[in-house]
Amino acid sequence: MYVVCDEHLDKAIDEFVEVYESPPDLYRLGEVSFTQWTAPQHCDFCARLPLFLIV
C-alpha cells in the first residue's frame, strides 16, 4: 500500500507492480474514506500532501 502525491504516483505504481506482479487499485484520497484508517499527512516518498491511495 502506498499513499502518494501526484509527483510520485508513477513511482509508487511501478514499485507495486514489481512487488505484487499485478496492477494496483488506485483511489483519490478525497473521494474515499475508511472507518478504521486515517490517511497519513505526507507522501510515502516526500513531505508533500498525499492525493492517492494505491493498494
Protein backbone atom coordinates (compact mmCIF):
# COMPACT_ATOMS: atom_id res chain seq x y z
CA MET A 1 0.00 0.00 0.00
CA TYR A 2 1.25 3.46 -0.89
CA VAL A 3 -0.08 6.92 -0.10
CA VAL A 4 1.47 9.38 -2.53
CA CYS A 5 1.39 12.85 -4.04
CA ASP A 6 0.82 13.37 -7.76
CA GLU A 7 4.58 13.69 -8.37
CA HIS A 8 5.30 10.18 -7.05
CA LEU A 9 2.26 8.37 -8.44
CA ASP A 10 4.18 6.66 -11.27
CA LYS A 11 6.98 5.57 -8.94
CA ALA A 12 4.52 4.00 -6.49
CA ILE A 13 2.66 2.17 -9.26
CA ASP A 14 5.95 0.82 -10.66
CA GLU A 15 7.05 -0.40 -7.22
CA PHE A 16 3.66 -2.00 -6.55
CA VAL A 17 3.75 -3.91 -9.86
CA GLU A 18 7.33 -5.01 -9.22
CA VAL A 19 6.47 -6.39 -5.77
CA TYR A 20 2.99 -7.85 -6.36
CA GLU A 21 3.24 -8.60 -10.11
CA SER A 22 -0.26 -7.22 -10.71
CA PRO A 23 -1.75 -3.80 -11.34
CA PRO A 24 -2.86 -1.89 -8.23
CA ASP A 25 -6.19 -0.34 -7.39
CA LEU A 26 -5.92 3.44 -7.37
CA TYR A 27 -8.10 5.77 -5.27
CA ARG A 28 -8.16 9.53 -4.78
CA LEU A 29 -7.91 10.19 -1.06
CA GLY A 30 -10.51 12.95 -1.23
CA GLU A 31 -13.08 10.51 -2.64
CA VAL A 32 -12.71 7.57 -0.24
CA SER A 33 -12.88 7.09 3.50
CA PHE A 34 -12.37 4.16 5.82
CA THR A 35 -13.71 3.85 9.36
CA GLN A 36 -10.58 2.16 10.76
CA TRP A 37 -7.91 4.11 8.84
CA THR A 38 -6.75 7.70 8.65
CA ALA A 39 -4.56 8.79 5.75
CA PRO A 40 -1.01 9.86 6.60
CA GLN A 41 -0.22 13.57 6.47
CA HIS A 42 2.55 13.21 3.86
CA CYS A 43 3.51 11.24 0.77
CA ASP A 44 5.43 7.98 1.28
CA PHE A 45 8.29 9.45 -0.80
CA CYS A 46 8.36 13.13 0.23
CA ALA A 47 6.81 15.71 2.56
CA ARG A 48 4.02 16.79 0.18
CA LEU A 49 0.33 16.23 0.88
CA PRO A 50 -0.77 12.79 -0.40
CA LEU A 51 -3.51 12.66 -3.04
CA PHE A 52 -3.66 8.96 -3.95
CA LEU A 53 -4.02 5.61 -2.22
CA ILE A 54 -2.55 2.64 -4.10
CA VAL A 55 -3.49 -0.85 -2.96
